[in-house]
Amino acid sequence: LYWDFFLRHGERFARNPRVARQVHAARALADGDAV
């Protein structure tokens, strides 16, 4: 659910300096659809 959370809310948090890295990592997951 952690990774799904940042996939769901990526647009909101992509520019938040405290969690932008997590958004980028979630979007880069090779198994994002499986998540």
PDB file of all heavy atoms in Angstrom:
ATOM      1  N   LEU A   1       0.816  -1.213   0.000  1.00  0.00           N
ATOM      2  CA  LEU A   1       0.000   0.000   0.000  1.00  0.00           C
ATOM      3  C   LEU A   1       0.849   1.262   0.000  1.00  0.00           C
ATOM      4  O   LEU A   1       0.413   2.309  -0.500  1.00  0.00           O
ATOM      5  CB  LEU A   1      -0.949  -0.013   1.199  1.00  0.00           C
ATOM      6  CG  LEU A   1      -2.020  -1.111   1.172  1.00  0.00           C
ATOM      7  CD1 LEU A   1      -2.873  -1.045   2.438  1.00  0.00           C
ATOM      8  CD2 LEU A   1      -2.898  -1.002  -0.061  1.00  0.00           C
ATOM      9  N   TYR A   2       2.046   1.187   0.550  1.00  0.00           N
ATOM     10  CA  TYR A   2       2.955   2.339   0.524  1.00  0.00           C
ATOM     11  C   TYR A   2       3.275   2.726  -0.924  1.00  0.00           C
ATOM     12  O   TYR A   2       3.146   3.897  -1.310  1.00  0.00           O
ATOM     13  CB  TYR A   2       4.233   1.979   1.275  1.00  0.00           C
ATOM     14  CG  TYR A   2       5.378   2.948   1.105  1.00  0.00           C
ATOM     15  CD1 TYR A   2       5.421   4.136   1.810  1.00  0.00           C
ATOM     16  CD2 TYR A   2       6.446   2.660   0.242  1.00  0.00           C
ATOM     17  CE1 TYR A   2       6.490   5.027   1.674  1.00  0.00           C
ATOM     18  CE2 TYR A   2       7.511   3.533   0.096  1.00  0.00           C
ATOM     19  CZ  TYR A   2       7.528   4.714   0.807  1.00  0.00           C
ATOM     20  OH  TYR A   2       8.582   5.583   0.661  1.00  0.00           O
ATOM     21  N   TRP A   3       3.671   1.736  -1.718  1.00  0.00           N
ATOM     22  CA  TRP A   3       4.009   2.044  -3.105  1.00  0.00           C
ATOM     23  C   TRP A   3       2.760   2.434  -3.894  1.00  0.00           C
ATOM     24  O   TRP A   3       2.791   3.339  -4.720  1.00  0.00           O
ATOM     25  CB  TRP A   3       4.715   0.857  -3.757  1.00  0.00           C
ATOM     26  CG  TRP A   3       6.091   0.652  -3.202  1.00  0.00           C
ATOM     27  CD1 TRP A   3       6.525  -0.367  -2.427  1.00  0.00           C
ATOM     28  CD2 TRP A   3       7.203   1.525  -3.383  1.00  0.00           C
ATOM     29  NE1 TRP A   3       7.848  -0.199  -2.083  1.00  0.00           N
ATOM     30  CE2 TRP A   3       8.295   0.960  -2.662  1.00  0.00           C
ATOM     31  CE3 TRP A   3       7.415   2.726  -4.058  1.00  0.00           C
ATOM     32  CZ2 TRP A   3       9.552   1.551  -2.614  1.00  0.00           C
ATOM     33  CZ3 TRP A   3       8.668   3.318  -4.020  1.00  0.00           C
ATOM     34  CH2 TRP A   3       9.719   2.725  -3.293  1.00  0.00           C
ATOM     35  N   ASP A   4       1.643   1.775  -3.624  1.00  0.00           N
ATOM     36  CA  ASP A   4       0.401   2.131  -4.296  1.00  0.00           C
ATOM     37  C   ASP A   4      -0.037   3.552  -3.940  1.00  0.00           C
ATOM     38  O   ASP A   4      -0.571   4.273  -4.795  1.00  0.00           O
ATOM     39  CB  ASP A   4      -0.687   1.123  -3.897  1.00  0.00           C
ATOM     40  CG  ASP A   4      -1.999   1.378  -4.592  1.00  0.00           C
ATOM     41  OD1 ASP A   4      -2.043   1.257  -5.834  1.00  0.00           O
ATOM     42  OD2 ASP A   4      -2.978   1.720  -3.898  1.00  0.00           O
ATOM     43  N   PHE A   5       0.211   3.959  -2.697  1.00  0.00           N
ATOM     44  CA  PHE A   5      -0.143   5.313  -2.263  1.00  0.00           C
ATOM     45  C   PHE A   5       0.560   6.358  -3.119  1.00  0.00           C
ATOM     46  O   PHE A   5      -0.062   7.326  -3.583  1.00  0.00           O
ATOM     47  CB  PHE A   5       0.228   5.485  -0.788  1.00  0.00           C
ATOM     48  CG  PHE A   5       0.012   6.868  -0.242  1.00  0.00           C
ATOM     49  CD1 PHE A   5      -1.223   7.276   0.216  1.00  0.00           C
ATOM     50  CD2 PHE A   5       1.072   7.778  -0.179  1.00  0.00           C
ATOM     51  CE1 PHE A   5      -1.426   8.553   0.726  1.00  0.00           C
ATOM     52  CE2 PHE A   5       0.888   9.058   0.320  1.00  0.00           C
ATOM     53  CZ  PHE A   5      -0.372   9.455   0.774  1.00  0.00           C
ATOM     54  N   PHE A   6       1.858   6.175  -3.346  1.00  0.00           N
ATOM     55  CA  PHE A   6       2.591   7.176  -4.126  1.00  0.00           C
ATOM     56  C   PHE A   6       2.296   7.064  -5.617  1.00  0.00           C
ATOM     57  O   PHE A   6       2.421   8.061  -6.348  1.00  0.00           O
ATOM     58  CB  PHE A   6       4.089   7.086  -3.834  1.00  0.00           C
ATOM     59  CG  PHE A   6       4.450   7.712  -2.514  1.00  0.00           C
ATOM     60  CD1 PHE A   6       4.860   6.922  -1.448  1.00  0.00           C
ATOM     61  CD2 PHE A   6       4.339   9.074  -2.325  1.00  0.00           C
ATOM     62  CE1 PHE A   6       5.178   7.491  -0.222  1.00  0.00           C
ATOM     63  CE2 PHE A   6       4.644   9.650  -1.103  1.00  0.00           C
ATOM     64  CZ  PHE A   6       5.060   8.860  -0.044  1.00  0.00           C
ATOM     65  N   LEU A   7       1.877   5.897  -6.082  1.00  0.00           N
ATOM     66  CA  LEU A   7       1.407   5.813  -7.460  1.00  0.00           C
ATOM     67  C   LEU A   7       0.073   6.538  -7.617  1.00  0.00           C
ATOM     68  O   LEU A   7      -0.147   7.249  -8.601  1.00  0.00           O
ATOM     69  CB  LEU A   7       1.253   4.345  -7.877  1.00  0.00           C
ATOM     70  CG  LEU A   7       2.560   3.573  -8.087  1.00  0.00           C
ATOM     71  CD1 LEU A   7       2.282   2.088  -8.271  1.00  0.00           C
ATOM     72  CD2 LEU A   7       3.325   4.122  -9.292  1.00  0.00           C
ATOM     73  N   ARG A   8      -0.820   6.389  -6.633  1.00  0.00           N
ATOM     74  CA  ARG A   8      -2.122   7.049  -6.687  1.00  0.00           C
ATOM     75  C   ARG A   8      -2.010   8.561  -6.570  1.00  0.00           C
ATOM     76  O   ARG A   8      -2.756   9.315  -7.195  1.00  0.00           O
ATOM     77  CB  ARG A   8      -3.020   6.519  -5.569  1.00  0.00           C
ATOM     78  CG  ARG A   8      -3.691   5.193  -5.853  1.00  0.00           C
ATOM     79  CD  ARG A   8      -4.621   4.796  -4.727  1.00  0.00           C
ATOM     80  NE  ARG A   8      -3.916   4.253  -3.582  1.00  0.00           N
ATOM     81  CZ  ARG A   8      -4.093   4.639  -2.327  1.00  0.00           C
ATOM     82  NH1 ARG A   8      -4.920   5.630  -2.046  1.00  0.00           N
ATOM     83  NH2 ARG A   8      -3.438   4.064  -1.348  1.00  0.00           N
ATOM     84  N   HIS A   9      -1.088   9.015  -5.719  1.00  0.00           N
ATOM     85  CA  HIS A   9      -1.017  10.446  -5.397  1.00  0.00           C
ATOM     86  C   HIS A   9       0.258  11.098  -5.931  1.00  0.00           C
ATOM     87  O   HIS A   9       0.703  12.119  -5.405  1.00  0.00           O
ATOM     88  CB  HIS A   9      -1.096  10.628  -3.879  1.00  0.00           C
ATOM     89  CG  HIS A   9      -2.388  10.166  -3.294  1.00  0.00           C
ATOM     90  ND1 HIS A   9      -3.580  10.802  -3.536  1.00  0.00           N
ATOM     91  CD2 HIS A   9      -2.667   9.112  -2.475  1.00  0.00           C
ATOM     92  CE1 HIS A   9      -4.550  10.172  -2.892  1.00  0.00           C
ATOM     93  NE2 HIS A   9      -4.029   9.148  -2.249  1.00  0.00           N
ATOM     94  N   GLY A  10       0.798  10.522  -6.978  1.00  0.00           N
ATOM     95  CA  GLY A  10       2.052  11.039  -7.524  1.00  0.00           C
ATOM     96  C   GLY A  10       1.986  12.487  -7.959  1.00  0.00           C
ATOM     97  O   GLY A  10       2.922  13.262  -7.710  1.00  0.00           O
ATOM     98  N   GLU A  11       0.907  12.874  -8.612  1.00  0.00           N
ATOM     99  CA  GLU A  11       0.805  14.249  -9.094  1.00  0.00           C
ATOM    100  C   GLU A  11       0.849  15.246  -7.946  1.00  0.00           C
ATOM    101  O   GLU A  11       1.472  16.298  -8.032  1.00  0.00           O
ATOM    102  CB  GLU A  11      -0.477  14.424  -9.911  1.00  0.00           C
ATOM    103  CG  GLU A  11      -0.451  13.736 -11.268  1.00  0.00           C
ATOM    104  CD  GLU A  11       0.699  14.230 -12.133  1.00  0.00           C
ATOM    105  OE1 GLU A  11       0.917  15.468 -12.188  1.00  0.00           O
ATOM    106  OE2 GLU A  11       1.390  13.391 -12.727  1.00  0.00           O
ATOM    107  N   ARG A  12       0.183  14.916  -6.850  1.00  0.00           N
ATOM    108  CA  ARG A  12       0.149  15.826  -5.707  1.00  0.00           C
ATOM    109  C   ARG A  12       1.521  15.974  -5.067  1.00  0.00           C
ATOM    110  O   ARG A  12       1.905  17.085  -4.664  1.00  0.00           O
ATOM    111  CB  ARG A  12      -0.862  15.340  -4.664  1.00  0.00           C
ATOM    112  CG  ARG A  12      -0.807  16.137  -3.351  1.00  0.00           C
ATOM    113  CD  ARG A  12      -1.845  15.679  -2.375  1.00  0.00           C
ATOM    114  NE  ARG A  12      -3.173  16.092  -2.758  1.00  0.00           N
ATOM    115  CZ  ARG A  12      -3.714  17.273  -2.459  1.00  0.00           C
ATOM    116  NH1 ARG A  12      -3.016  18.173  -1.778  1.00  0.00           N
ATOM    117  NH2 ARG A  12      -4.926  17.572  -2.839  1.00  0.00           N
ATOM    118  N   PHE A  13       2.271  14.874  -4.950  1.00  0.00           N
ATOM    119  CA  PHE A  13       3.499  14.899  -4.145  1.00  0.00           C
ATOM    120  C   PHE A  13       4.788  14.958  -4.960  1.00  0.00           C
ATOM    121  O   PHE A  13       5.874  14.978  -4.373  1.00  0.00           O
ATOM    122  CB  PHE A  13       3.532  13.681  -3.222  1.00  0.00           C
ATOM    123  CG  PHE A  13       2.440  13.684  -2.193  1.00  0.00           C
ATOM    124  CD1 PHE A  13       1.496  12.666  -2.142  1.00  0.00           C
ATOM    125  CD2 PHE A  13       2.331  14.722  -1.285  1.00  0.00           C
ATOM    126  CE1 PHE A  13       0.484  12.672  -1.204  1.00  0.00           C
ATOM    127  CE2 PHE A  13       1.316  14.750  -0.344  1.00  0.00           C
ATOM    128  CZ  PHE A  13       0.391  13.721  -0.305  1.00  0.00           C
ATOM    129  N   ALA A  14       4.695  14.996  -6.266  1.00  0.00           N
ATOM    130  CA  ALA A  14       5.900  14.969  -7.101  1.00  0.00           C
ATOM    131  C   ALA A  14       6.798  16.170  -6.851  1.00  0.00           C
ATOM    132  O   ALA A  14       8.021  16.087  -7.042  1.00  0.00           O
ATOM    133  CB  ALA A  14       5.513  14.905  -8.576  1.00  0.00           C
ATOM    134  N   ARG A  15       6.204  17.288  -6.412  1.00  0.00           N
ATOM    135  CA  ARG A  15       6.993  18.497  -6.183  1.00  0.00           C
ATOM    136  C   ARG A  15       7.196  18.794  -4.696  1.00  0.00           C
ATOM    137  O   ARG A  15       7.725  19.844  -4.348  1.00  0.00           O
ATOM    138  CB  ARG A  15       6.330  19.697  -6.872  1.00  0.00           C
ATOM    139  CG  ARG A  15       6.345  19.605  -8.384  1.00  0.00           C
ATOM    140  CD  ARG A  15       5.657  20.808  -9.036  1.00  0.00           C
ATOM    141  NE  ARG A  15       5.695  20.716 -10.479  1.00  0.00           N
ATOM    142  CZ  ARG A  15       4.838  20.023 -11.210  1.00  0.00           C
ATOM    143  NH1 ARG A  15       3.851  19.370 -10.606  1.00  0.00           N
ATOM    144  NH2 ARG A  15       4.938  19.994 -12.520  1.00  0.00           N
ATOM    145  N   ASN A  16       6.772  17.860  -3.855  1.00  0.00           N
ATOM    146  CA  ASN A  16       6.997  18.028  -2.416  1.00  0.00           C
ATOM    147  C   ASN A  16       8.425  17.571  -2.108  1.00  0.00           C
ATOM    148  O   ASN A  16       8.745  16.396  -2.268  1.00  0.00           O
ATOM    149  CB  ASN A  16       5.985  17.182  -1.635  1.00  0.00           C
ATOM    150  CG  ASN A  16       6.084  17.378  -0.128  1.00  0.00           C
ATOM    151  OD1 ASN A  16       7.168  17.404   0.445  1.00  0.00           O
ATOM    152  ND2 ASN A  16       4.945  17.490   0.542  1.00  0.00           N
ATOM    153  N   PRO A  17       9.308  18.471  -1.663  1.00  0.00           N
ATOM    154  CA  PRO A  17      10.717  18.093  -1.500  1.00  0.00           C
ATOM    155  C   PRO A  17      10.943  16.977  -0.488  1.00  0.00           C
ATOM    156  O   PRO A  17      11.968  16.300  -0.537  1.00  0.00           O
ATOM    157  CB  PRO A  17      11.386  19.399  -1.061  1.00  0.00           C
ATOM    158  CG  PRO A  17      10.272  20.244  -0.504  1.00  0.00           C
ATOM    159  CD  PRO A  17       9.065  19.883  -1.286  1.00  0.00           C
ATOM    160  N   ARG A  18       9.981  16.759   0.415  1.00  0.00           N
ATOM    161  CA  ARG A  18      10.185  15.739   1.445  1.00  0.00           C
ATOM    162  C   ARG A  18       9.831  14.340   0.956  1.00  0.00           C
ATOM    163  O   ARG A  18      10.258  13.363   1.580  1.00  0.00           O
ATOM    164  CB  ARG A  18       9.382  16.090   2.698  1.00  0.00           C
ATOM    165  CG  ARG A  18       9.776  17.415   3.332  1.00  0.00           C
ATOM    166  CD  ARG A  18       9.206  17.572   4.716  1.00  0.00           C
ATOM    167  NE  ARG A  18       9.778  16.626   5.658  1.00  0.00           N
ATOM    168  CZ  ARG A  18       9.332  16.450   6.899  1.00  0.00           C
ATOM    169  NH1 ARG A  18       8.287  17.150   7.326  1.00  0.00           N
ATOM    170  NH2 ARG A  18       9.898  15.587   7.706  1.00  0.00           N
ATOM    171  N   VAL A  19       9.038  14.231  -0.110  1.00  0.00           N
ATOM    172  CA  VAL A  19       8.655  12.896  -0.589  1.00  0.00           C
ATOM    173  C   VAL A  19       8.770  12.749  -2.100  1.00  0.00           C
ATOM    174  O   VAL A  19       8.370  11.721  -2.653  1.00  0.00           O
ATOM    175  CB  VAL A  19       7.220  12.525  -0.138  1.00  0.00           C
ATOM    176  CG1 VAL A  19       7.148  12.341   1.366  1.00  0.00           C
ATOM    177  CG2 VAL A  19       6.207  13.552  -0.620  1.00  0.00           C
ATOM    178  N   ALA A  20       9.309  13.736  -2.791  1.00  0.00           N
ATOM    179  CA  ALA A  20       9.419  13.646  -4.254  1.00  0.00           C
ATOM    180  C   ALA A  20      10.238  12.432  -4.681  1.00  0.00           C
ATOM    181  O   ALA A  20       9.942  11.801  -5.710  1.00  0.00           O
ATOM    182  CB  ALA A  20      10.038  14.931  -4.807  1.00  0.00           C
ATOM    183  N   ARG A  21      11.244  12.088  -3.907  1.00  0.00           N
ATOM    184  CA  ARG A  21      12.068  10.930  -4.260  1.00  0.00           C
ATOM    185  C   ARG A  21      11.252   9.643  -4.227  1.00  0.00           C
ATOM    186  O   ARG A  21      11.422   8.759  -5.076  1.00  0.00           O
ATOM    187  CB  ARG A  21      13.263  10.826  -3.312  1.00  0.00           C
ATOM    188  CG  ARG A  21      14.258   9.738  -3.690  1.00  0.00           C
ATOM    189  CD  ARG A  21      15.499   9.801  -2.839  1.00  0.00           C
ATOM    190  NE  ARG A  21      15.202   9.546  -1.428  1.00  0.00           N
ATOM    191  CZ  ARG A  21      16.134   9.476  -0.471  1.00  0.00           C
ATOM    192  NH1 ARG A  21      17.400   9.685  -0.784  1.00  0.00           N
ATOM    193  NH2 ARG A  21      15.785   9.249   0.776  1.00  0.00           N
ATOM    194  N   GLN A  22      10.348   9.527  -3.258  1.00  0.00           N
ATOM    195  CA  GLN A  22       9.499   8.336  -3.180  1.00  0.00           C
ATOM    196  C   GLN A  22       8.557   8.257  -4.387  1.00  0.00           C
ATOM    197  O   GLN A  22       8.305   7.168  -4.909  1.00  0.00           O
ATOM    198  CB  GLN A  22       8.690   8.337  -1.883  1.00  0.00           C
ATOM    199  CG  GLN A  22       9.527   8.079  -0.635  1.00  0.00           C
ATOM    200  CD  GLN A  22      10.031   9.349   0.021  1.00  0.00           C
ATOM    201  OE1 GLN A  22      10.537  10.239  -0.663  1.00  0.00           O
ATOM    202  NE2 GLN A  22       9.891   9.433   1.329  1.00  0.00           N
ATOM    203  N   VAL A  23       8.035   9.395  -4.815  1.00  0.00           N
ATOM    204  CA  VAL A  23       7.171   9.405  -5.990  1.00  0.00           C
ATOM    205  C   VAL A  23       7.944   8.946  -7.216  1.00  0.00           C
ATOM    206  O   VAL A  23       7.470   8.111  -8.013  1.00  0.00           O
ATOM    207  CB  VAL A  23       6.578  10.812  -6.219  1.00  0.00           C
ATOM    208  CG1 VAL A  23       5.820  10.869  -7.543  1.00  0.00           C
ATOM    209  CG2 VAL A  23       5.669  11.200  -5.066  1.00  0.00           C
ATOM    210  N   HIS A  24       9.143   9.458  -7.380  1.00  0.00           N
ATOM    211  CA  HIS A  24       9.976   9.071  -8.517  1.00  0.00           C
ATOM    212  C   HIS A  24      10.276   7.571  -8.483  1.00  0.00           C
ATOM    213  O   HIS A  24      10.199   6.887  -9.517  1.00  0.00           O
ATOM    214  CB  HIS A  24      11.284   9.865  -8.504  1.00  0.00           C
ATOM    215  CG  HIS A  24      12.227   9.499  -9.606  1.00  0.00           C
ATOM    216  ND1 HIS A  24      12.024   9.881 -10.922  1.00  0.00           N
ATOM    217  CD2 HIS A  24      13.372   8.742  -9.597  1.00  0.00           C
ATOM    218  CE1 HIS A  24      13.007   9.388 -11.672  1.00  0.00           C
ATOM    219  NE2 HIS A  24      13.836   8.708 -10.892  1.00  0.00           N
ATOM    220  N   ALA A  25      10.598   7.054  -7.291  1.00  0.00           N
ATOM    221  CA  ALA A  25      10.898   5.626  -7.167  1.00  0.00           C
ATOM    222  C   ALA A  25       9.671   4.779  -7.474  1.00  0.00           C
ATOM    223  O   ALA A  25       9.777   3.709  -8.114  1.00  0.00           O
ATOM    224  CB  ALA A  25      11.410   5.323  -5.766  1.00  0.00           C
ATOM    225  N   ALA A  26       8.490   5.234  -7.037  1.00  0.00           N
ATOM    226  CA  ALA A  26       7.263   4.476  -7.324  1.00  0.00           C
ATOM    227  C   ALA A  26       6.993   4.435  -8.824  1.00  0.00           C
ATOM    228  O   ALA A  26       6.635   3.382  -9.381  1.00  0.00           O
ATOM    229  CB  ALA A  26       6.084   5.110  -6.582  1.00  0.00           C
ATOM    230  N   ARG A  27       7.167   5.548  -9.480  1.00  0.00           N
ATOM    231  CA  ARG A  27       6.924   5.601 -10.922  1.00  0.00           C
ATOM    232  C   ARG A  27       7.933   4.779 -11.716  1.00  0.00           C
ATOM    233  O   ARG A  27       7.644   4.363 -12.852  1.00  0.00           O
ATOM    234  CB  ARG A  27       6.947   7.051 -11.389  1.00  0.00           C
ATOM    235  CG  ARG A  27       5.726   7.850 -10.927  1.00  0.00           C
ATOM    236  CD  ARG A  27       5.849   9.324 -11.244  1.00  0.00           C
ATOM    237  NE  ARG A  27       4.582  10.024 -11.052  1.00  0.00           N
ATOM    238  CZ  ARG A  27       4.446  11.342 -11.146  1.00  0.00           C
ATOM    239  NH1 ARG A  27       5.504  12.112 -11.423  1.00  0.00           N
ATOM    240  NH2 ARG A  27       3.250  11.903 -10.967  1.00  0.00           N
ATOM    241  N   ALA A  28       9.084   4.537 -11.123  1.00  0.00           N
ATOM    242  CA  ALA A  28      10.123   3.771 -11.810  1.00  0.00           C
ATOM    243  C   ALA A  28      10.012   2.261 -11.572  1.00  0.00           C
ATOM    244  O   ALA A  28      10.802   1.487 -12.133  1.00  0.00           O
ATOM    245  CB  ALA A  28      11.502   4.260 -11.354  1.00  0.00           C
ATOM    246  N   LEU A  29       9.056   1.832 -10.755  1.00  0.00           N
ATOM    247  CA  LEU A  29       8.931   0.407 -10.460  1.00  0.00           C
ATOM    248  C   LEU A  29       8.615  -0.384 -11.728  1.00  0.00           C
ATOM    249  O   LEU A  29       7.689  -0.051 -12.476  1.00  0.00           O
ATOM    250  CB  LEU A  29       7.811   0.170  -9.436  1.00  0.00           C
ATOM    251  CG  LEU A  29       8.045   0.657  -8.002  1.00  0.00           C
ATOM    252  CD1 LEU A  29       6.776   0.439  -7.179  1.00  0.00           C
ATOM    253  CD2 LEU A  29       9.224  -0.072  -7.370  1.00  0.00           C
ATOM    254  N   ALA A  30       9.346  -1.459 -11.922  1.00  0.00           N
ATOM    255  CA  ALA A  30       9.069  -2.324 -13.069  1.00  0.00           C
ATOM    256  C   ALA A  30       7.780  -3.111 -12.870  1.00  0.00           C
ATOM    257  O   ALA A  30       7.140  -3.526 -13.853  1.00  0.00           O
ATOM    258  CB  ALA A  30      10.248  -3.277 -13.291  1.00  0.00           C
ATOM    259  N   ASP A  31       7.404  -3.337 -11.620  1.00  0.00           N
ATOM    260  CA  ASP A  31       6.205  -4.126 -11.329  1.00  0.00           C
ATOM    261  C   ASP A  31       5.065  -3.252 -10.813  1.00  0.00           C
ATOM    262  O   ASP A  31       4.239  -3.700 -10.010  1.00  0.00           O
ATOM    263  CB  ASP A  31       6.523  -5.228 -10.320  1.00  0.00           C
ATOM    264  CG  ASP A  31       7.074  -4.681  -8.997  1.00  0.00           C
ATOM    265  OD1 ASP A  31       7.344  -3.466  -8.914  1.00  0.00           O
ATOM    266  OD2 ASP A  31       7.221  -5.474  -8.057  1.00  0.00           O
ATOM    267  N   GLY A  32       4.999  -2.016 -11.303  1.00  0.00           N
ATOM    268  CA  GLY A  32       3.968  -1.098 -10.828  1.00  0.00           C
ATOM    269  C   GLY A  32       2.559  -1.630 -11.033  1.00  0.00           C
ATOM    270  O   GLY A  32       1.698  -1.492 -10.148  1.00  0.00           O
ATOM    271  N   ASP A  33       2.281  -2.254 -12.171  1.00  0.00           N
ATOM    272  CA  ASP A  33       0.945  -2.796 -12.416  1.00  0.00           C
ATOM    273  C   ASP A  33       0.631  -3.926 -11.444  1.00  0.00           C
ATOM    274  O   ASP A  33      -0.509  -4.038 -10.948  1.00  0.00           O
ATOM    275  CB  ASP A  33       0.828  -3.304 -13.851  1.00  0.00           C
ATOM    276  CG  ASP A  33       0.816  -2.171 -14.871  1.00  0.00           C
ATOM    277  OD1 ASP A  33       0.549  -1.015 -14.469  1.00  0.00           O
ATOM    278  OD2 ASP A  33       1.078  -2.434 -16.061  1.00  0.00           O
ATOM    279  N   ALA A  34       1.634  -4.752 -11.142  1.00  0.00           N
ATOM    280  CA  ALA A  34       1.420  -5.841 -10.184  1.00  0.00           C
ATOM    281  C   ALA A  34       1.192  -5.290  -8.780  1.00  0.00           C
ATOM    282  O   ALA A  34       0.401  -5.852  -8.001  1.00  0.00           O
ATOM    283  CB  ALA A  34       2.614  -6.789 -10.196  1.00  0.00           C
ATOM    284  N   VAL A  35       1.868  -4.194  -8.450  1.00  0.00           N
ATOM    285  CA  VAL A  35       1.646  -3.554  -7.152  1.00  0.00           C
ATOM    286  C   VAL A  35       0.213  -3.068  -7.050  1.00  0.00           C
ATOM    287  O   VAL A  35      -0.466  -3.271  -6.028  1.00  0.00           O
ATOM    288  CB  VAL A  35       2.633  -2.389  -6.955  1.00  0.00           C
ATOM    289  CG1 VAL A  35       2.220  -1.536  -5.755  1.00  0.00           C
ATOM    290  CG2 VAL A  35       4.043  -2.907  -6.768  1.00  0.00           C
TER     291      VAL A  35
END
